[in-house]
Structure formats: structure tokens, C-alpha cells
Amino acid sequence: MTLDQLYSQLTIPCEAKLVLAVLDGLGDIATPEQNRTTPLEAAKTPHLDHLSQDAVQGRMDPVAPGIAPGSGPGHIALFGYDPIEHQVGRGVIEALGLGVDLQAGDVAARANFCTLDDNGIVTDRRAGRIKTETCQRLCDQIAQKVKSIEDVEVIIQPGKDHRFVVVFRGPGLGGPLSDADPHREGKPIPTAEPTGGKDTTADKTARIVSQFYQAVLPIIEKEHPANGFLMRGIAHQPSIPTFEERYRLRAASIATYPMYKGLAQLVGMTKLEGSQTIEQQFEQYLQEYNQYDYFFIHFKPTDMSGEDGDFDAKVRAIEEFDAALPTLMRKAPDVLAITGDHSTPCKVKAHSWHPQPVLLSSAYSGTDKLGRFTETTANGGSLGLFEAKYLIRHMQANAKMFDKFGA
């Protein structure tokens, strides 16, 4: 018997409401440049402080010690799936989040506009975070001129800001491929290559991607700052058991960015649309409270400011989340977990390997008697350091969803 099988065997029905609130990239590191404080420590968070009075804390490795995860593995783990066993291409996630109806055999890629110099070197991976309207215009322009390559249909779907999705639909396609993204400025766009060994379908996909670049770059070469584009997560859709099958919980997601909607949809959560701010997301939770057992609520600004290296902006983002918390607590869930999908330290300006802090509150959680929720207090919490894939099991236990094991 596997551990997952044991959990399934012990699971019993319940009437509890569970909420997972994710401040993307929440974790950070204290540095001399910022007076040895983190944004979470520097932020004024009276409502998180109040929650901490009757909660437990700890820290989580999103994948394994030393591994900096992408958003996909980070969230897959938070949903309780082993991120190594269930690897998902970012393109698939983003495509689902944008409402693309993926078909068997489709290959999807997450893409974003970038800035290239005269030598083809990437000088800005996000093209200055162009406006969504500009992204829409450029995507429409590409879609009108590049409808197919060989016998493969090309589908372009714009997202938010500089992001968009490319879906290749046709016979004989497969993946995964390596990223056509150097992941840092100062380098050229690398060629996407098959990564799964000898596979003629991946070979064909790599050829199509290469021809797609040859067709599109001349179309946007005079644009500024978006005169290039990067592609990553080039893969097909995997098979994953649904959240409800796995945990016997009717789950819904309340997210504003396509990728996180797609991640939730991938595991069968209902995608609730319409909210744009964290206050509106909490209001939507109140409206849908009776319809679902589990809510995944995603907050993006903490990660964006961390990637920009903007300490003050990350502080403001945390304070924005904290200020909205009373709305959520108007119908306090039976189990509330607040955490990140990974750490995005301002000094690193990228996802990192540092464990993210987590706060867990329920009538049965007990309390660590900690006055705040920060990386430092989390280090001393009773949850200790554990793998993020077990967070859902802690939440289920606090909802009294598990029968006793053994006599």
C-alpha cells in the first residue's frame, strides 16, 4: 500500500470548508541591504498578526531541498500532487487558463514578448511588461499572418501583459521540448530541442517551432520594446487524477492570471471568473461559499515585485492582502492555510530554493503562540519543515477528514 492509498482509505466525508490562500512568491530572505528584514517582516499586517494568535506555522520545501521550482511544480505540490511525478508543461497550464480547448495531440507553449538588440541578444525578457492591449494587437497581427506551418495549425491566444500562448495542432506532434528561452538577459534565444530521447513526434514539433520563429520574428522586428518572443513549457497535456477524486472535496479556484486558473483546471477545480483584486476575490469566495468545500485563492503581486527586486513593492503587496483579509473572515473557513508556492527573494529577483512560510489555522490546529507570521516565526513553528505536497493532508486532518489508522 502506498501512502496516498492509505490517505484515501482513511478519508471520511465532512462538511468543513477549506481555504488555501497563496501569496505567490511570498518567501524572502533577510539581507544587510534591507536591515536584515524580509518584506513579510517589514509589512504592517495586523490581520495576519491576529490570525497568528490561534494558528500554527512552519516552512515548506516546494519540491526538494535546494530546488527552485517553477510556478507549475510549486502549485501542483500545494494541491497535494508529487511535482516530480506529475510534471506539467507551462504551455498546457497557460492554455487551459486562457480558455483554449486543448485536443488530444495538441502541443502548447507559454510565450512572452521580449526585447532583442541588433545582434539578437535578449535585453529584457518581459519587454518592459507591455500593456495587455499591446499584447493583444501583436498576437492578432501574428495570427493573421501565420495560420499554419506545414500541416500544423497555429493557434495564438493573448494573455495578460506580455504573455501569450501558442498551440500547435496537427498530426504527429509531441514533446516535451527544451525552452526557447535563455531564462536571463544577455544571451540569445536558444533553439528548442527534444528532451525525451528518440521521439519522431518531438523532432517534428522542434522543426515546427523553429519555422514558427522564422515566420514571426520578421513580423515584429520593428516593434519596440516587443520585437522578439520567448517560448517555454513546450509539451502536451498529461493525465492527472482530479482533486475531487483524490480528496473528496468539491474545489474551486479564484485566480486572476491565466496560468493559475489553468493549474487549478488541470486538476479539475471549477474556475470562478470575474475578480480582479484580492478584495473582489474574497468577495467571490463569500458568494460561492455554499457551493464548494475547498477554495484556492491566488494573489500574484508578491511574486511580481520579488522578480523586479522591488522590496517596497513587495511590502505594499503583502499589506494589500492583509487589508483585505477581514472580508474573507466574514465567513471564516474551518481550515485556513496561508502560504506561497515558492520564495521569490528581492535580492535573487527570481524563484529560489528557500522554503516558503506557511500559517495553518483551525479549531483543532492549536497555537504556537507566535505574535506574527514571518519567515522567522515560521522557523519556530510546530509544523516544522516539510514537503509542500503534504500541506493538503495537514488541512484534511484539521478538517477531521481522516479516520484512525490501525487498531
Protein backbone atom coordinates (compact mmCIF):
# COMPACT_ATOMS: atom_id res chain seq x y z
CA MET A 1 0.00 0.00 0.00
CA THR A 2 1.29 3.45 -0.89
CA LEU A 3 0.94 6.45 1.39
CA ASP A 4 -1.59 8.03 -0.99
CA GLN A 5 -3.64 4.83 -0.89
CA LEU A 6 -3.59 4.94 2.90
CA TYR A 7 -4.80 8.54 2.95
CA SER A 8 -7.61 7.60 0.56
CA GLN A 9 -8.55 4.64 2.73
CA LEU A 10 -8.71 6.82 5.85
CA THR A 11 -10.68 9.68 4.25
CA ILE A 12 -14.19 10.18 5.58
CA PRO A 13 -16.89 12.69 4.47
CA CYS A 14 -17.08 16.03 6.21
CA GLU A 15 -18.92 19.35 6.00
CA ALA A 16 -15.87 21.54 6.53
CA LYS A 17 -14.81 24.49 4.39
CA LEU A 18 -11.12 24.66 3.49
CA VAL A 19 -9.28 27.67 2.01
CA LEU A 20 -5.77 27.79 0.58
CA ALA A 21 -4.66 31.41 0.09
CA VAL A 22 -1.45 31.65 -1.92
CA LEU A 23 0.64 34.81 -1.98
CA ASP A 24 2.76 33.92 -4.98
CA GLY A 25 6.49 34.05 -4.23
CA LEU A 26 5.80 35.09 -0.62
CA GLY A 27 9.02 33.82 0.95
CA ASP A 28 12.08 36.06 1.05
CA ILE A 29 15.47 36.37 2.74
CA ALA A 30 16.80 38.93 5.21
CA THR A 31 19.80 40.85 3.87
CA PRO A 32 22.10 43.61 5.20
CA GLU A 33 20.86 45.87 2.39
CA GLN A 34 17.36 45.79 3.92
CA ASN A 35 18.40 45.96 7.58
CA ARG A 36 18.20 42.19 7.83
CA THR A 37 14.42 42.13 7.42
CA THR A 38 12.19 40.46 4.86
CA PRO A 39 9.18 42.13 3.20
CA LEU A 40 6.89 39.99 5.36
CA GLU A 41 8.67 41.26 8.47
CA ALA A 42 8.67 44.88 7.27
CA ALA A 43 4.98 44.90 6.29
CA LYS A 44 2.27 46.12 8.65
CA THR A 45 -0.01 43.07 8.89
CA PRO A 46 -2.45 43.48 11.80
CA HIS A 47 -4.88 40.86 10.47
CA LEU A 48 -2.22 38.22 9.82
CA ASP A 49 -0.85 39.03 13.29
CA HIS A 50 -4.31 38.42 14.76
CA LEU A 51 -4.63 35.10 12.91
CA SER A 52 -1.25 34.06 14.26
CA GLN A 53 -2.60 34.13 17.81
CA ASP A 54 -4.56 30.92 17.16
CA ALA A 55 -2.56 29.18 14.46
CA VAL A 56 0.48 27.03 13.83
CA GLN A 57 3.32 27.80 11.48
CA GLY A 58 6.13 26.11 9.60
CA ARG A 59 8.07 26.17 6.36
CA MET A 60 7.78 24.07 3.23
CA ASP A 61 10.12 22.80 0.55
CA PRO A 62 8.07 23.13 -2.66
CA VAL A 63 9.86 20.22 -4.35
CA ALA A 64 13.01 19.11 -2.51
CA PRO A 65 15.89 20.86 -0.71
CA GLY A 66 17.85 23.16 -2.98
CA ILE A 67 15.43 23.03 -5.93
CA ALA A 68 13.94 26.32 -7.15
CA PRO A 69 10.53 25.44 -8.65
CA GLY A 70 8.57 26.98 -11.46
CA SER A 71 5.01 28.06 -10.73
CA GLY A 72 3.70 24.77 -12.10
CA PRO A 73 5.57 22.43 -9.73
CA GLY A 74 5.03 24.88 -6.87
CA HIS A 75 1.24 24.77 -7.22
CA ILE A 76 1.00 21.10 -8.13
CA ALA A 77 2.71 20.42 -4.80
CA LEU A 78 0.34 22.75 -2.92
CA PHE A 79 -2.55 20.78 -4.43
CA GLY A 80 -1.02 17.62 -2.93
CA TYR A 81 0.46 16.01 -6.04
CA ASP A 82 4.11 14.98 -6.23
CA PRO A 83 5.61 17.62 -8.56
CA ILE A 84 8.30 15.23 -9.74
CA GLU A 85 5.81 12.51 -10.64
CA HIS A 86 3.31 14.92 -12.21
CA GLN A 87 5.32 17.22 -14.44
CA VAL A 88 3.21 19.61 -16.48
CA GLY A 89 4.34 21.89 -19.29
CA ARG A 90 3.69 25.55 -18.59
CA GLY A 91 2.16 25.95 -22.02
CA VAL A 92 -0.57 23.44 -21.22
CA ILE A 93 -1.35 25.23 -17.96
CA GLU A 94 -1.46 28.65 -19.55
CA ALA A 95 -3.57 27.45 -22.49
CA LEU A 96 -6.17 25.92 -20.18
CA GLY A 97 -6.23 29.08 -18.09
CA LEU A 98 -6.89 31.19 -21.19
CA GLY A 99 -9.82 29.01 -22.14
CA VAL A 100 -8.20 27.09 -25.01
CA ASP A 101 -9.97 23.77 -25.52
CA LEU A 102 -6.94 21.52 -25.90
CA GLN A 103 -7.38 18.42 -28.03
CA ALA A 104 -5.51 15.12 -27.93
CA GLY A 105 -2.16 15.59 -29.66
CA ASP A 106 -2.02 19.36 -29.21
CA VAL A 107 1.28 20.85 -28.12
CA ALA A 108 1.10 24.10 -26.17
CA ALA A 109 3.79 26.63 -25.26
CA ARG A 110 3.77 29.52 -22.85
CA ALA A 111 5.24 32.55 -24.56
CA ASN A 112 6.03 36.14 -23.81
CA PHE A 113 7.23 39.09 -25.79
CA CYS A 114 10.79 40.21 -25.14
CA THR A 115 13.25 42.84 -26.31
CA LEU A 116 16.15 41.89 -28.63
CA ASP A 117 19.13 44.03 -29.58
CA ASP A 118 20.54 44.24 -33.12
CA ASN A 119 22.53 41.05 -32.53
CA GLY A 120 19.56 39.01 -31.36
CA ILE A 121 20.55 39.18 -27.69
CA VAL A 122 17.73 39.31 -25.13
CA THR A 123 17.93 42.61 -23.25
CA ASP A 124 14.55 42.41 -21.47
CA ARG A 125 12.76 39.09 -21.02
CA ARG A 126 9.41 40.81 -20.42
CA ALA A 127 9.58 43.64 -22.98
CA GLY A 128 9.08 46.23 -20.26
CA ARG A 129 5.88 44.44 -19.18
CA ILE A 130 3.94 45.82 -22.15
CA LYS A 131 0.25 46.51 -21.68
CA THR A 132 -2.30 43.78 -22.34
CA GLU A 133 -3.74 45.86 -25.21
CA THR A 134 -0.35 45.87 -26.94
CA CYS A 135 -0.02 42.13 -26.47
CA GLN A 136 -3.48 41.64 -27.99
CA ARG A 137 -2.58 43.76 -31.02
CA LEU A 138 0.67 41.89 -31.65
CA CYS A 139 -0.99 38.49 -31.22
CA ASP A 140 -3.73 39.46 -33.70
CA GLN A 141 -1.06 40.58 -36.15
CA ILE A 142 0.81 37.29 -35.86
CA ALA A 143 -2.36 35.19 -36.05
CA GLN A 144 -3.43 36.89 -39.28
CA LYS A 145 -0.12 36.18 -40.99
CA VAL A 146 0.86 32.78 -39.55
CA LYS A 147 -2.13 30.45 -39.63
CA SER A 148 -0.28 27.19 -40.26
CA ILE A 149 3.16 25.65 -40.73
CA GLU A 150 3.40 22.55 -42.92
CA ASP A 151 0.31 20.52 -41.94
CA VAL A 152 0.07 22.06 -38.46
CA GLU A 153 -2.48 24.67 -37.43
CA VAL A 154 -1.14 27.52 -35.29
CA ILE A 155 -3.39 28.98 -32.59
CA ILE A 156 -2.37 32.22 -30.85
CA GLN A 157 -4.11 33.27 -27.64
CA PRO A 158 -3.10 36.52 -25.89
CA GLY A 159 -2.89 36.65 -22.11
CA LYS A 160 -2.17 39.42 -19.61
CA ASP A 161 0.62 41.95 -20.03
CA HIS A 162 3.47 40.49 -22.11
CA ARG A 163 2.25 36.88 -22.02
CA PHE A 164 0.54 34.75 -24.67
CA VAL A 165 0.06 31.11 -25.63
CA VAL A 166 0.91 29.23 -28.81
CA VAL A 167 -0.86 25.94 -29.57
CA PHE A 168 0.26 23.67 -32.41
CA ARG A 169 -2.46 21.34 -33.68
CA GLY A 170 -1.80 18.67 -36.27
CA PRO A 171 -0.69 15.08 -36.86
CA GLY A 172 2.48 13.59 -35.42
CA LEU A 173 3.25 16.18 -32.74
CA GLY A 174 4.70 15.50 -29.30
CA GLY A 175 7.02 16.74 -26.61
CA PRO A 176 8.47 17.83 -24.35
CA LEU A 177 10.99 20.26 -25.83
CA SER A 178 13.61 22.38 -24.14
CA ASP A 179 12.74 26.06 -23.69
CA ALA A 180 13.37 28.62 -26.41
CA ASP A 181 14.23 30.95 -23.56
CA PRO A 182 17.68 31.71 -22.08
CA HIS A 183 16.00 32.49 -18.70
CA ARG A 184 18.21 35.54 -18.29
CA GLU A 185 19.14 38.66 -20.19
CA GLY A 186 22.39 38.92 -22.13
CA LYS A 187 22.00 35.74 -24.16
CA PRO A 188 20.35 34.84 -27.50
CA ILE A 189 17.15 32.81 -27.80
CA PRO A 190 18.18 29.13 -27.77
CA THR A 191 16.72 26.57 -30.16
CA ALA A 192 14.01 24.33 -28.74
CA GLU A 193 15.17 20.70 -28.81
CA PRO A 194 13.53 17.36 -27.87
CA THR A 195 14.29 16.38 -24.27
CA GLY A 196 12.64 12.95 -24.06
CA GLY A 197 15.10 10.85 -26.05
CA LYS A 198 14.41 9.48 -29.52
CA ASP A 199 10.93 10.58 -30.49
CA THR A 200 9.96 11.46 -34.04
CA THR A 201 6.92 13.42 -32.82
CA ALA A 202 9.15 15.67 -30.71
CA ASP A 203 11.53 16.04 -33.66
CA LYS A 204 8.68 17.27 -35.82
CA THR A 205 7.50 19.67 -33.11
CA ALA A 206 11.01 21.11 -32.78
CA ARG A 207 11.10 21.70 -36.54
CA ILE A 208 7.69 23.42 -36.45
CA VAL A 209 8.78 25.66 -33.55
CA SER A 210 11.91 26.66 -35.45
CA GLN A 211 9.87 27.55 -38.53
CA PHE A 212 7.43 29.47 -36.35
CA TYR A 213 10.29 31.67 -35.13
CA GLN A 214 11.47 32.21 -38.70
CA ALA A 215 7.96 33.30 -39.69
CA VAL A 216 7.14 35.54 -36.72
CA LEU A 217 10.33 37.44 -35.92
CA PRO A 218 10.27 39.43 -39.19
CA ILE A 219 6.65 40.44 -38.48
CA ILE A 220 7.50 42.13 -35.16
CA GLU A 221 11.13 43.18 -35.76
CA LYS A 222 10.25 46.90 -35.96
CA GLU A 223 8.20 46.85 -32.77
CA HIS A 224 9.65 48.33 -29.61
CA PRO A 225 10.13 47.10 -26.97
CA ALA A 226 8.37 43.87 -28.05
CA ASN A 227 10.47 42.88 -31.08
CA GLY A 228 11.04 39.27 -30.03
CA PHE A 229 9.43 36.46 -28.07
CA LEU A 230 10.37 33.51 -25.85
CA MET A 231 8.70 30.10 -25.53
CA ARG A 232 8.84 27.61 -22.68
CA GLY A 233 6.95 24.66 -21.28
CA ILE A 234 6.51 23.22 -24.78
CA ALA A 235 4.61 19.98 -24.14
CA HIS A 236 1.35 18.08 -24.41
CA GLN A 237 -1.34 17.65 -21.77
CA PRO A 238 -0.67 14.86 -19.19
CA SER A 239 -3.23 12.70 -17.41
CA ILE A 240 -3.74 13.65 -13.74
CA PRO A 241 -6.38 12.36 -11.27
CA THR A 242 -8.84 15.07 -10.31
CA PHE A 243 -8.81 16.91 -7.00
CA GLU A 244 -12.27 15.61 -6.11
CA GLU A 245 -11.30 12.01 -6.86
CA ARG A 246 -8.19 12.33 -4.76
CA TYR A 247 -9.53 14.25 -1.75
CA ARG A 248 -13.36 14.01 -1.95
CA LEU A 249 -13.61 17.79 -1.93
CA ARG A 250 -15.53 19.96 -4.40
CA ALA A 251 -12.91 22.54 -5.27
CA ALA A 252 -12.98 25.97 -6.89
CA SER A 253 -10.24 28.39 -7.88
CA ILE A 254 -10.34 32.18 -7.67
CA ALA A 255 -7.33 33.49 -9.59
CA THR A 256 -6.72 36.45 -11.87
CA TYR A 257 -3.84 35.17 -14.03
CA PRO A 258 -4.38 32.50 -16.70
CA MET A 259 -1.57 30.21 -15.60
CA TYR A 260 -3.02 29.71 -12.12
CA LYS A 261 -6.51 29.23 -13.49
CA GLY A 262 -5.03 26.60 -15.78
CA LEU A 263 -3.21 24.81 -12.96
CA ALA A 264 -6.43 24.60 -10.97
CA GLN A 265 -8.39 23.48 -14.03
CA LEU A 266 -5.80 20.81 -14.76
CA VAL A 267 -6.72 19.03 -11.51
CA GLY A 268 -10.45 19.53 -12.03
CA MET A 269 -11.18 22.62 -9.94
CA THR A 270 -14.04 24.83 -11.08
CA LYS A 271 -12.68 28.10 -12.45
CA LEU A 272 -14.52 31.09 -10.95
CA GLU A 273 -14.09 34.17 -13.13
CA GLY A 274 -14.58 37.90 -12.81
CA SER A 275 -12.45 39.05 -9.89
CA GLN A 276 -9.56 41.45 -10.47
CA THR A 277 -8.44 42.46 -6.97
CA ILE A 278 -7.84 40.43 -3.82
CA GLU A 279 -10.80 42.19 -2.20
CA GLN A 280 -13.01 41.05 -5.09
CA GLN A 281 -11.58 37.54 -4.85
CA PHE A 282 -12.53 37.32 -1.18
CA GLU A 283 -16.00 38.69 -2.02
CA GLN A 284 -16.38 35.97 -4.64
CA TYR A 285 -15.45 33.39 -2.02
CA LEU A 286 -18.29 34.70 0.15
CA GLN A 287 -20.73 34.46 -2.75
CA GLU A 288 -19.73 30.89 -3.62
CA TYR A 289 -19.25 29.70 -0.03
CA ASN A 290 -22.09 27.18 -0.07
CA GLN A 291 -21.22 25.68 -3.45
CA TYR A 292 -17.76 24.26 -2.74
CA ASP A 293 -15.76 22.57 0.02
CA TYR A 294 -12.31 23.88 -0.94
CA PHE A 295 -11.20 27.24 -2.33
CA PHE A 296 -7.84 28.03 -3.89
CA ILE A 297 -7.30 31.81 -3.88
CA HIS A 298 -4.25 33.13 -5.72
CA PHE A 299 -2.56 36.54 -5.23
CA LYS A 300 0.11 37.48 -7.80
CA PRO A 301 1.69 40.89 -6.87
CA THR A 302 4.11 39.49 -4.27
CA ASP A 303 5.86 37.41 -6.92
CA MET A 304 5.99 40.22 -9.48
CA SER A 305 7.64 42.62 -7.05
CA GLY A 306 10.10 39.95 -5.95
CA GLU A 307 11.14 39.28 -9.54
CA ASP A 308 11.59 43.03 -10.04
CA GLY A 309 13.78 43.18 -6.93
CA ASP A 310 11.42 45.82 -5.51
CA PHE A 311 11.40 45.36 -1.73
CA ASP A 312 8.99 48.22 -1.05
CA ALA A 313 6.52 46.99 -3.68
CA LYS A 314 6.54 43.54 -2.11
CA VAL A 315 5.85 45.09 1.29
CA ARG A 316 2.91 47.02 -0.21
CA ALA A 317 1.56 43.86 -1.87
CA ILE A 318 1.61 41.97 1.44
CA GLU A 319 -0.14 44.89 3.14
CA GLU A 320 -2.78 44.91 0.38
CA PHE A 321 -3.50 41.24 1.01
CA ASP A 322 -3.63 41.80 4.76
CA ALA A 323 -6.02 44.72 4.44
CA ALA A 324 -8.48 42.53 2.51
CA LEU A 325 -8.40 39.62 4.99
CA PRO A 326 -11.39 40.80 7.08
CA THR A 327 -13.59 40.20 4.02
CA LEU A 328 -12.54 36.55 3.89
CA MET A 329 -13.06 36.16 7.62
CA ARG A 330 -16.68 37.29 7.42
CA LYS A 331 -17.25 33.61 6.68
CA ALA A 332 -14.17 32.14 8.26
CA PRO A 333 -13.31 28.75 6.78
CA ASP A 334 -12.96 25.77 9.09
CA VAL A 335 -9.39 25.37 7.86
CA LEU A 336 -7.29 28.23 6.51
CA ALA A 337 -3.79 27.89 5.10
CA ILE A 338 -1.83 30.97 4.01
CA THR A 339 1.46 30.48 2.21
CA GLY A 340 3.35 30.90 -1.07
CA ASP A 341 4.01 28.48 -3.91
CA HIS A 342 7.72 29.24 -3.55
CA SER A 343 10.02 32.03 -2.42
CA THR A 344 10.93 34.93 -4.71
CA PRO A 345 13.55 36.91 -2.78
CA CYS A 346 14.04 40.51 -3.90
CA LYS A 347 17.81 40.02 -3.81
CA VAL A 348 17.59 36.97 -6.11
CA LYS A 349 14.97 38.53 -8.45
CA ALA A 350 13.77 35.02 -9.32
CA HIS A 351 12.17 31.92 -7.85
CA SER A 352 14.51 30.40 -5.30
CA TRP A 353 15.14 27.25 -3.27
CA HIS A 354 14.36 28.88 0.09
CA PRO A 355 11.45 27.19 1.92
CA GLN A 356 8.29 29.28 1.99
CA PRO A 357 6.49 30.12 5.27
CA VAL A 358 3.06 28.67 5.99
CA LEU A 359 0.34 29.51 8.52
CA LEU A 360 -2.41 26.99 9.32
CA SER A 361 -5.47 27.81 11.40
CA SER A 362 -8.42 25.69 12.51
CA ALA A 363 -10.36 24.84 15.65
CA TYR A 364 -8.04 21.86 16.05
CA SER A 365 -4.69 23.29 14.94
CA GLY A 366 -3.65 24.53 18.36
CA THR A 367 -1.42 27.56 18.57
CA ASP A 368 2.30 28.15 18.51
CA LYS A 369 1.73 31.40 20.45
CA LEU A 370 3.56 33.42 17.83
CA GLY A 371 2.66 37.08 17.54
CA ARG A 372 3.36 37.46 13.82
CA PHE A 373 3.54 35.48 10.59
CA THR A 374 7.03 35.85 9.12
CA GLU A 375 9.86 33.66 7.93
CA THR A 376 11.46 33.93 11.37
CA THR A 377 8.35 32.97 13.34
CA ALA A 378 7.63 30.17 10.86
CA ASN A 379 11.07 28.75 11.60
CA GLY A 380 9.96 28.21 15.19
CA GLY A 381 6.51 26.83 14.45
CA SER A 382 5.31 23.33 15.34
CA LEU A 383 4.73 22.30 11.72
CA GLY A 384 8.49 22.34 11.22
CA LEU A 385 9.92 21.92 7.74
CA PHE A 386 8.00 19.61 5.41
CA GLU A 387 7.36 18.99 1.72
CA ALA A 388 4.62 21.17 0.28
CA LYS A 389 2.77 18.16 -1.13
CA TYR A 390 1.72 17.31 2.44
CA LEU A 391 0.01 20.65 3.13
CA ILE A 392 -3.33 19.35 1.85
CA ARG A 393 -3.02 16.40 4.25
CA HIS A 394 -2.48 18.78 7.18
CA MET A 395 -5.57 20.68 6.01
CA GLN A 396 -7.63 17.50 5.73
CA ALA A 397 -6.54 16.37 9.18
CA ASN A 398 -7.57 19.73 10.64
CA ALA A 399 -10.94 19.31 8.94
CA LYS A 400 -11.24 15.93 10.72
CA MET A 401 -11.37 14.11 7.40
CA PHE A 402 -9.22 11.14 8.43
CA ASP A 403 -10.30 8.07 10.37
CA LYS A 404 -7.89 6.46 12.83
CA PHE A 405 -5.15 4.27 11.35
CA GLY A 406 -4.96 0.83 12.85
CA ALA A 407 -6.44 -0.70 15.96
